[in-house]
Amino acid sequence: MTICGMEKASLVDYDKKIAAVLFTGGCNMRCPFCHNAELVLATPEDALDEAEIFDYLEKRKGLIDAVVISGGEPTLQKDLIPFVEKVRETGLAVKLDTNGLRPDVLATLFGRNLLDYVAMDVKNSRKKYSMTAGTGVDFSAVSESIGLIMANAPDYEFRTTVIKELHTEEDIADIADRIAGAKKYFLQKYKDADTCFEHGFTAPSKVTALRFCEIASQKVDYVGLRGF
C-alpha cells in the first residue's frame, strides 16, 4: 500500500467514532479544485512504513474505534483488499472513501464483508462529470458503484463538494436523481488551499447551499451541509 499520510485520531471523518485516517497516494481523477494534490501525485517512494502503521493501531486498541482509508483514491491500490483484511483482524471498523471509478474493487470488498462504512464523492451531474473530474470518466462505473453501495454497504453516504463555478440547481437535481433513495447525502463547502491543483474557485452562498439541500431532499432521505 502506498500510504502517504496518517491522521492519528480524528473525530470528524467517521460519525460517532474516533478514527485513524490513512491517506493513499495516486488518483484516477484530476479534479482542478482538489486540495490533496500532493497525494494525487504521490509515488511509492513517498509511502509510510506499513509495519509502523499497524504497530500504532495495535497500541491504540481501546482508544480508537476505526480506520478510515482515504486518498487519493484507495481502490487503485493493488493490495488494498489484503490490507483491509489485516485492519479488520485488529477488530477496528473500516470506512472507505472513494470516487467510485472502480466498482469491481467495491464488489470484492462487499463480497468479503470488509467494509463498515463507505463515503463516495459524486462530483457533478452526468453532463459535467468529466469536466469536474478533470479527466474523461466512464459514467457507467459511477452508476454501478452507486448501486453497489446502496445495496451492500452496512452504512454509507454520498457527498458533493459544491462550487459556485461548477454547480447549479439543475446539476444538484440530476445528482439527486442518480442517488434517489439513498440514506445520506452531504453538500460540502469548497475551501481554497495552497495544495489545490488550480485556484479561482469559490463556494456558493449558504442561501444557495440551502436551496441545493431543498432540491436534493426531494429524492434522498437525509441531506446535510458541511462547512457552511
C-alpha atoms as a PDB file:
ATOM      1  CA  MET A   1       0.000   0.000   0.000  1.00  0.00           C
ATOM      2  CA  THR A   2       1.217   3.486  -0.845  1.00  0.00           C
ATOM      3  CA  ILE A   3       0.078   5.256   2.325  1.00  0.00           C
ATOM      4  CA  CYS A   4       1.481   8.762   2.240  1.00  0.00           C
ATOM      5  CA  GLY A   5      -0.134  10.306   5.283  1.00  0.00           C
ATOM      6  CA  MET A   6      -1.858   9.471   8.538  1.00  0.00           C
ATOM      7  CA  GLU A   7      -4.071  11.391  10.947  1.00  0.00           C
ATOM      8  CA  LYS A   8      -3.809   9.526  14.212  1.00  0.00           C
ATOM      9  CA  ALA A   9      -7.113  10.452  15.861  1.00  0.00           C
ATOM     10  CA  SER A  10      -9.968  12.151  14.016  1.00  0.00           C
ATOM     11  CA  LEU A  11     -13.393  12.927  15.452  1.00  0.00           C
ATOM     12  CA  VAL A  12     -14.926  14.108  12.164  1.00  0.00           C
ATOM     13  CA  ASP A  13     -14.090  11.517   9.494  1.00  0.00           C
ATOM     14  CA  TYR A  14     -16.272   8.698  10.845  1.00  0.00           C
ATOM     15  CA  ASP A  15     -19.506   9.707  12.549  1.00  0.00           C
ATOM     16  CA  LYS A  16     -19.596   8.825  16.278  1.00  0.00           C
ATOM     17  CA  LYS A  17     -16.213   7.074  16.128  1.00  0.00           C
ATOM     18  CA  ILE A  18     -12.628   8.028  16.853  1.00  0.00           C
ATOM     19  CA  ALA A  19     -10.693   7.057  13.752  1.00  0.00           C
ATOM     20  CA  ALA A  20      -7.176   6.881  12.425  1.00  0.00           C
ATOM     21  CA  VAL A  21      -7.226   8.251   8.866  1.00  0.00           C
ATOM     22  CA  LEU A  22      -4.868   6.804   6.252  1.00  0.00           C
ATOM     23  CA  PHE A  23      -4.245   8.702   3.023  1.00  0.00           C
ATOM     24  CA  THR A  24      -3.231   6.656  -0.016  1.00  0.00           C
ATOM     25  CA  GLY A  25      -1.245   8.067  -2.919  1.00  0.00           C
ATOM     26  CA  GLY A  26      -2.390   8.301  -6.515  1.00  0.00           C
ATOM     27  CA  CYS A  27      -5.758   9.041  -8.111  1.00  0.00           C
ATOM     28  CA  ASN A  28      -7.560   8.368 -11.389  1.00  0.00           C
ATOM     29  CA  MET A  29      -9.140  11.826 -11.378  1.00  0.00           C
ATOM     30  CA  ARG A  30      -7.611  15.282 -11.649  1.00  0.00           C
ATOM     31  CA  CYS A  31     -10.320  17.473 -10.147  1.00  0.00           C
ATOM     32  CA  PRO A  32      -8.960  21.022 -10.535  1.00  0.00           C
ATOM     33  CA  PHE A  33     -10.313  22.027  -7.117  1.00  0.00           C
ATOM     34  CA  CYS A  34      -8.774  19.025  -5.301  1.00  0.00           C
ATOM     35  CA  HIS A  35      -6.965  20.121  -2.140  1.00  0.00           C
ATOM     36  CA  ASN A  36      -4.936  16.901  -1.903  1.00  0.00           C
ATOM     37  CA  ALA A  37      -2.785  17.430  -4.999  1.00  0.00           C
ATOM     38  CA  GLU A  38       0.309  16.197  -3.178  1.00  0.00           C
ATOM     39  CA  LEU A  39      -1.446  12.869  -2.522  1.00  0.00           C
ATOM     40  CA  VAL A  40      -2.795  12.557  -6.053  1.00  0.00           C
ATOM     41  CA  LEU A  41       0.733  12.867  -7.435  1.00  0.00           C
ATOM     42  CA  ALA A  42       2.432  10.754  -4.761  1.00  0.00           C
ATOM     43  CA  THR A  43       4.595   7.759  -5.676  1.00  0.00           C
ATOM     44  CA  PRO A  44       5.524   4.575  -3.743  1.00  0.00           C
ATOM     45  CA  GLU A  45       8.739   6.301  -2.681  1.00  0.00           C
ATOM     46  CA  ASP A  46       6.580   8.646  -0.568  1.00  0.00           C
ATOM     47  CA  ALA A  47       4.939   5.797   1.360  1.00  0.00           C
ATOM     48  CA  LEU A  48       4.957   5.415   5.128  1.00  0.00           C
ATOM     49  CA  ASP A  49       6.192   2.192   6.688  1.00  0.00           C
ATOM     50  CA  GLU A  50       3.237  -0.193   6.855  1.00  0.00           C
ATOM     51  CA  ALA A  51       4.622  -2.047   9.870  1.00  0.00           C
ATOM     52  CA  GLU A  52       4.727   1.197  11.840  1.00  0.00           C
ATOM     53  CA  ILE A  53       1.096   1.900  10.956  1.00  0.00           C
ATOM     54  CA  PHE A  54      -0.073  -1.464  12.280  1.00  0.00           C
ATOM     55  CA  ASP A  55       2.126  -1.081  15.341  1.00  0.00           C
ATOM     56  CA  TYR A  56       0.320   2.193  16.048  1.00  0.00           C
ATOM     57  CA  LEU A  57      -3.098   0.584  15.567  1.00  0.00           C
ATOM     58  CA  GLU A  58      -2.245  -2.284  17.896  1.00  0.00           C
ATOM     59  CA  LYS A  59      -1.014   0.059  20.605  1.00  0.00           C
ATOM     60  CA  ARG A  60      -4.148   2.226  20.371  1.00  0.00           C
ATOM     61  CA  LYS A  61      -6.653  -0.589  20.803  1.00  0.00           C
ATOM     62  CA  GLY A  62      -9.431   0.679  23.016  1.00  0.00           C
ATOM     63  CA  LEU A  63      -8.559   4.288  22.218  1.00  0.00           C
ATOM     64  CA  ILE A  64      -9.625   4.385  18.575  1.00  0.00           C
ATOM     65  CA  ASP A  65     -12.658   2.694  17.047  1.00  0.00           C
ATOM     66  CA  ALA A  66     -11.997   2.676  13.332  1.00  0.00           C
ATOM     67  CA  VAL A  67      -9.675   3.203  10.393  1.00  0.00           C
ATOM     68  CA  VAL A  68     -10.660   5.477   7.512  1.00  0.00           C
ATOM     69  CA  ILE A  69      -8.889   4.723   4.237  1.00  0.00           C
ATOM     70  CA  SER A  70      -8.937   7.846   2.104  1.00  0.00           C
ATOM     71  CA  GLY A  71      -6.815   9.377  -0.625  1.00  0.00           C
ATOM     72  CA  GLY A  72      -6.023   9.969  -3.334  1.00  0.00           C
ATOM     73  CA  GLU A  73      -8.131   7.045  -4.482  1.00  0.00           C
ATOM     74  CA  PRO A  74      -7.699   3.914  -2.342  1.00  0.00           C
ATOM     75  CA  THR A  75      -9.247   1.477  -4.833  1.00  0.00           C
ATOM     76  CA  LEU A  76      -6.222   1.965  -7.110  1.00  0.00           C
ATOM     77  CA  GLN A  77      -4.019   0.236  -4.552  1.00  0.00           C
ATOM     78  CA  LYS A  78      -3.285  -3.299  -5.776  1.00  0.00           C
ATOM     79  CA  ASP A  79      -3.020  -4.644  -2.234  1.00  0.00           C
ATOM     80  CA  LEU A  80      -5.990  -2.776  -0.784  1.00  0.00           C
ATOM     81  CA  ILE A  81      -8.022  -5.932  -0.097  1.00  0.00           C
ATOM     82  CA  PRO A  82      -5.366  -7.809   1.936  1.00  0.00           C
ATOM     83  CA  PHE A  83      -4.591  -4.550   3.722  1.00  0.00           C
ATOM     84  CA  VAL A  84      -8.239  -4.089   4.738  1.00  0.00           C
ATOM     85  CA  GLU A  85      -8.375  -7.720   5.835  1.00  0.00           C
ATOM     86  CA  LYS A  86      -5.387  -7.075   8.083  1.00  0.00           C
ATOM     87  CA  VAL A  87      -7.044  -3.963   9.542  1.00  0.00           C
ATOM     88  CA  ARG A  88     -10.212  -5.940  10.250  1.00  0.00           C
ATOM     89  CA  GLU A  89      -8.130  -8.510  12.138  1.00  0.00           C
ATOM     90  CA  THR A  90      -7.295  -5.768  14.654  1.00  0.00           C
ATOM     91  CA  GLY A  91     -11.006  -5.512  15.495  1.00  0.00           C
ATOM     92  CA  LEU A  92     -11.358  -1.977  14.140  1.00  0.00           C
ATOM     93  CA  ALA A  93     -14.198  -0.823  11.909  1.00  0.00           C
ATOM     94  CA  VAL A  94     -13.238   0.229   8.379  1.00  0.00           C
ATOM     95  CA  LYS A  95     -14.544   3.183   6.408  1.00  0.00           C
ATOM     96  CA  LEU A  96     -13.569   3.667   2.754  1.00  0.00           C
ATOM     97  CA  ASP A  97     -13.594   6.986   0.904  1.00  0.00           C
ATOM     98  CA  THR A  98     -13.856   6.527  -2.864  1.00  0.00           C
ATOM     99  CA  ASN A  99     -14.678   8.280  -6.121  1.00  0.00           C
ATOM    100  CA  GLY A 100     -16.495   5.204  -7.411  1.00  0.00           C
ATOM    101  CA  LEU A 101     -14.491   4.563 -10.571  1.00  0.00           C
ATOM    102  CA  ARG A 102     -13.527   1.025  -9.504  1.00  0.00           C
ATOM    103  CA  PRO A 103     -16.824  -0.801  -8.861  1.00  0.00           C
ATOM    104  CA  ASP A 104     -15.013  -4.119  -9.310  1.00  0.00           C
ATOM    105  CA  VAL A 105     -12.940  -3.421  -6.202  1.00  0.00           C
ATOM    106  CA  LEU A 106     -16.005  -2.323  -4.255  1.00  0.00           C
ATOM    107  CA  ALA A 107     -17.816  -5.517  -5.254  1.00  0.00           C
ATOM    108  CA  THR A 108     -14.940  -7.642  -3.939  1.00  0.00           C
ATOM    109  CA  LEU A 109     -14.764  -5.716  -0.674  1.00  0.00           C
ATOM    110  CA  PHE A 110     -18.508  -6.083  -0.163  1.00  0.00           C
ATOM    111  CA  GLY A 111     -18.381  -9.740  -1.126  1.00  0.00           C
ATOM    112  CA  ARG A 112     -15.879 -10.356   1.673  1.00  0.00           C
ATOM    113  CA  ASN A 113     -17.782  -8.204   4.197  1.00  0.00           C
ATOM    114  CA  LEU A 114     -14.758  -5.986   4.728  1.00  0.00           C
ATOM    115  CA  LEU A 115     -16.389  -2.559   4.927  1.00  0.00           C
ATOM    116  CA  ASP A 116     -18.474  -0.963   7.662  1.00  0.00           C
ATOM    117  CA  TYR A 117     -18.979   2.430   6.026  1.00  0.00           C
ATOM    118  CA  VAL A 118     -18.450   3.837   2.535  1.00  0.00           C
ATOM    119  CA  ALA A 119     -18.346   7.505   1.546  1.00  0.00           C
ATOM    120  CA  MET A 120     -18.499   8.166  -2.197  1.00  0.00           C
ATOM    121  CA  ASP A 121     -17.907  11.501  -3.854  1.00  0.00           C
ATOM    122  CA  VAL A 122     -20.417  12.287  -6.580  1.00  0.00           C
ATOM    123  CA  LYS A 123     -18.671  15.047  -8.467  1.00  0.00           C
ATOM    124  CA  ASN A 124     -21.444  16.584 -10.539  1.00  0.00           C
ATOM    125  CA  SER A 125     -24.287  15.955 -12.965  1.00  0.00           C
ATOM    126  CA  ARG A 126     -23.629  13.428 -15.708  1.00  0.00           C
ATOM    127  CA  LYS A 127     -23.092  16.070 -18.405  1.00  0.00           C
ATOM    128  CA  LYS A 128     -20.470  17.877 -16.303  1.00  0.00           C
ATOM    129  CA  TYR A 129     -18.791  14.848 -14.757  1.00  0.00           C
ATOM    130  CA  SER A 130     -15.645  14.635 -16.873  1.00  0.00           C
ATOM    131  CA  MET A 131     -15.157  18.404 -16.755  1.00  0.00           C
ATOM    132  CA  THR A 132     -15.423  18.396 -12.962  1.00  0.00           C
ATOM    133  CA  ALA A 133     -13.191  15.328 -12.592  1.00  0.00           C
ATOM    134  CA  GLY A 134     -10.521  16.838 -14.834  1.00  0.00           C
ATOM    135  CA  THR A 135     -10.371  13.697 -16.991  1.00  0.00           C
ATOM    136  CA  GLY A 136     -12.622  11.505 -19.100  1.00  0.00           C
ATOM    137  CA  VAL A 137     -14.942   9.481 -16.869  1.00  0.00           C
ATOM    138  CA  ASP A 138     -16.834   6.295 -17.641  1.00  0.00           C
ATOM    139  CA  PHE A 139     -20.108   7.299 -16.020  1.00  0.00           C
ATOM    140  CA  SER A 140     -21.373   3.713 -16.078  1.00  0.00           C
ATOM    141  CA  ALA A 141     -18.714   2.923 -13.447  1.00  0.00           C
ATOM    142  CA  VAL A 142     -20.015   5.760 -11.280  1.00  0.00           C
ATOM    143  CA  SER A 143     -23.580   4.492 -11.599  1.00  0.00           C
ATOM    144  CA  GLU A 144     -22.530   0.910 -10.865  1.00  0.00           C
ATOM    145  CA  SER A 145     -20.719   1.971  -7.703  1.00  0.00           C
ATOM    146  CA  ILE A 146     -23.733   3.947  -6.508  1.00  0.00           C
ATOM    147  CA  GLY A 147     -25.891   0.869  -6.913  1.00  0.00           C
ATOM    148  CA  LEU A 148     -23.383  -1.410  -5.192  1.00  0.00           C
ATOM    149  CA  ILE A 149     -23.060   0.916  -2.224  1.00  0.00           C
ATOM    150  CA  MET A 150     -26.799   1.370  -1.748  1.00  0.00           C
ATOM    151  CA  ALA A 151     -27.383  -2.384  -1.983  1.00  0.00           C
ATOM    152  CA  ASN A 152     -24.453  -3.644   0.095  1.00  0.00           C
ATOM    153  CA  ALA A 153     -22.852  -1.103   2.423  1.00  0.00           C
ATOM    154  CA  PRO A 154     -23.797  -1.503   6.108  1.00  0.00           C
ATOM    155  CA  ASP A 155     -23.733   2.280   6.271  1.00  0.00           C
ATOM    156  CA  TYR A 156     -22.844   4.883   3.669  1.00  0.00           C
ATOM    157  CA  GLU A 157     -23.063   8.432   2.426  1.00  0.00           C
ATOM    158  CA  PHE A 158     -22.751  10.273  -0.853  1.00  0.00           C
ATOM    159  CA  ARG A 159     -21.253  13.737  -0.941  1.00  0.00           C
ATOM    160  CA  THR A 160     -20.515  16.584  -3.306  1.00  0.00           C
ATOM    161  CA  THR A 161     -18.069  19.445  -2.829  1.00  0.00           C
ATOM    162  CA  VAL A 162     -20.183  22.306  -4.138  1.00  0.00           C
ATOM    163  CA  ILE A 163     -18.535  25.076  -6.117  1.00  0.00           C
ATOM    164  CA  LYS A 164     -20.174  28.244  -7.397  1.00  0.00           C
ATOM    165  CA  GLU A 165     -18.500  27.976 -10.800  1.00  0.00           C
ATOM    166  CA  LEU A 166     -19.370  24.310 -11.336  1.00  0.00           C
ATOM    167  CA  HIS A 167     -22.735  23.509  -9.728  1.00  0.00           C
ATOM    168  CA  THR A 168     -26.233  24.754 -10.500  1.00  0.00           C
ATOM    169  CA  GLU A 169     -29.660  23.773  -9.193  1.00  0.00           C
ATOM    170  CA  GLU A 170     -30.085  21.608 -12.287  1.00  0.00           C
ATOM    171  CA  ASP A 171     -26.845  19.775 -11.514  1.00  0.00           C
ATOM    172  CA  ILE A 172     -27.908  19.044  -7.936  1.00  0.00           C
ATOM    173  CA  ALA A 173     -31.276  17.794  -9.168  1.00  0.00           C
ATOM    174  CA  ASP A 174     -29.501  15.430 -11.589  1.00  0.00           C
ATOM    175  CA  ILE A 175     -27.228  14.124  -8.813  1.00  0.00           C
ATOM    176  CA  ALA A 176     -30.248  13.560  -6.584  1.00  0.00           C
ATOM    177  CA  ASP A 177     -31.910  11.567  -9.362  1.00  0.00           C
ATOM    178  CA  ARG A 178     -28.800   9.364  -9.623  1.00  0.00           C
ATOM    179  CA  ILE A 179     -28.792   8.594  -5.884  1.00  0.00           C
ATOM    180  CA  ALA A 180     -32.560   8.592  -5.343  1.00  0.00           C
ATOM    181  CA  GLY A 181     -33.492   6.640  -2.243  1.00  0.00           C
ATOM    182  CA  ALA A 182     -30.047   6.997  -0.641  1.00  0.00           C
ATOM    183  CA  LYS A 183     -29.725   7.228   3.145  1.00  0.00           C
ATOM    184  CA  LYS A 184     -27.477  10.288   3.359  1.00  0.00           C
ATOM    185  CA  TYR A 185     -26.135  12.989   1.078  1.00  0.00           C
ATOM    186  CA  PHE A 186     -23.865  15.815   2.157  1.00  0.00           C
ATOM    187  CA  LEU A 187     -23.062  19.059   0.401  1.00  0.00           C
ATOM    188  CA  GLN A 188     -19.564  20.137   1.369  1.00  0.00           C
ATOM    189  CA  LYS A 189     -18.308  23.711   1.203  1.00  0.00           C
ATOM    190  CA  TYR A 190     -15.349  24.246  -1.107  1.00  0.00           C
ATOM    191  CA  LYS A 191     -12.298  25.793   0.520  1.00  0.00           C
ATOM    192  CA  ASP A 192      -9.301  27.006  -1.440  1.00  0.00           C
ATOM    193  CA  ALA A 193      -5.907  25.803  -0.249  1.00  0.00           C
ATOM    194  CA  ASP A 194      -2.285  26.117  -1.285  1.00  0.00           C
ATOM    195  CA  THR A 195      -2.330  22.419  -2.223  1.00  0.00           C
ATOM    196  CA  CYS A 196      -5.164  22.745  -4.772  1.00  0.00           C
ATOM    197  CA  PHE A 197      -4.349  21.950  -8.410  1.00  0.00           C
ATOM    198  CA  GLU A 198      -5.995  25.173  -9.555  1.00  0.00           C
ATOM    199  CA  HIS A 199      -7.264  28.313  -7.868  1.00  0.00           C
ATOM    200  CA  GLY A 200     -10.046  30.774  -8.575  1.00  0.00           C
ATOM    201  CA  PHE A 201     -12.968  28.620  -7.486  1.00  0.00           C
ATOM    202  CA  THR A 202     -15.376  29.831  -4.808  1.00  0.00           C
ATOM    203  CA  ALA A 203     -18.039  28.333  -2.574  1.00  0.00           C
ATOM    204  CA  PRO A 204     -21.715  29.138  -3.142  1.00  0.00           C
ATOM    205  CA  SER A 205     -23.517  31.196  -0.526  1.00  0.00           C
ATOM    206  CA  LYS A 206     -25.254  29.458   2.336  1.00  0.00           C
ATOM    207  CA  VAL A 207     -28.581  30.546   0.867  1.00  0.00           C
ATOM    208  CA  THR A 208     -27.701  28.739  -2.362  1.00  0.00           C
ATOM    209  CA  ALA A 209     -26.455  25.705  -0.456  1.00  0.00           C
ATOM    210  CA  LEU A 210     -29.724  25.517   1.460  1.00  0.00           C
ATOM    211  CA  ARG A 211     -31.610  25.673  -1.833  1.00  0.00           C
ATOM    212  CA  PHE A 212     -29.454  22.782  -3.078  1.00  0.00           C
ATOM    213  CA  CYS A 213     -30.421  20.864   0.076  1.00  0.00           C
ATOM    214  CA  GLU A 214     -34.088  21.515  -0.578  1.00  0.00           C
ATOM    215  CA  ILE A 215     -33.759  20.158  -4.120  1.00  0.00           C
ATOM    216  CA  ALA A 216     -31.825  17.034  -3.107  1.00  0.00           C
ATOM    217  CA  SER A 217     -34.201  16.332  -0.213  1.00  0.00           C
ATOM    218  CA  GLN A 218     -36.918  15.511  -2.705  1.00  0.00           C
ATOM    219  CA  LYS A 219     -35.047  12.301  -3.594  1.00  0.00           C
ATOM    220  CA  VAL A 220     -32.747  11.497  -0.637  1.00  0.00           C
ATOM    221  CA  ASP A 221     -33.708  10.559   2.925  1.00  0.00           C
ATOM    222  CA  TYR A 222     -31.294  12.937   4.655  1.00  0.00           C
ATOM    223  CA  VAL A 223     -29.385  15.885   3.160  1.00  0.00           C
ATOM    224  CA  GLY A 224     -26.908  17.878   5.236  1.00  0.00           C
ATOM    225  CA  LEU A 225     -24.401  20.703   4.875  1.00  0.00           C
ATOM    226  CA  ARG A 226     -20.763  20.533   5.893  1.00  0.00           C
ATOM    227  CA  GLY A 227     -18.645  23.613   6.391  1.00  0.00           C
ATOM    228  CA  PHE A 228     -21.350  26.214   5.764  1.00  0.00           C
END
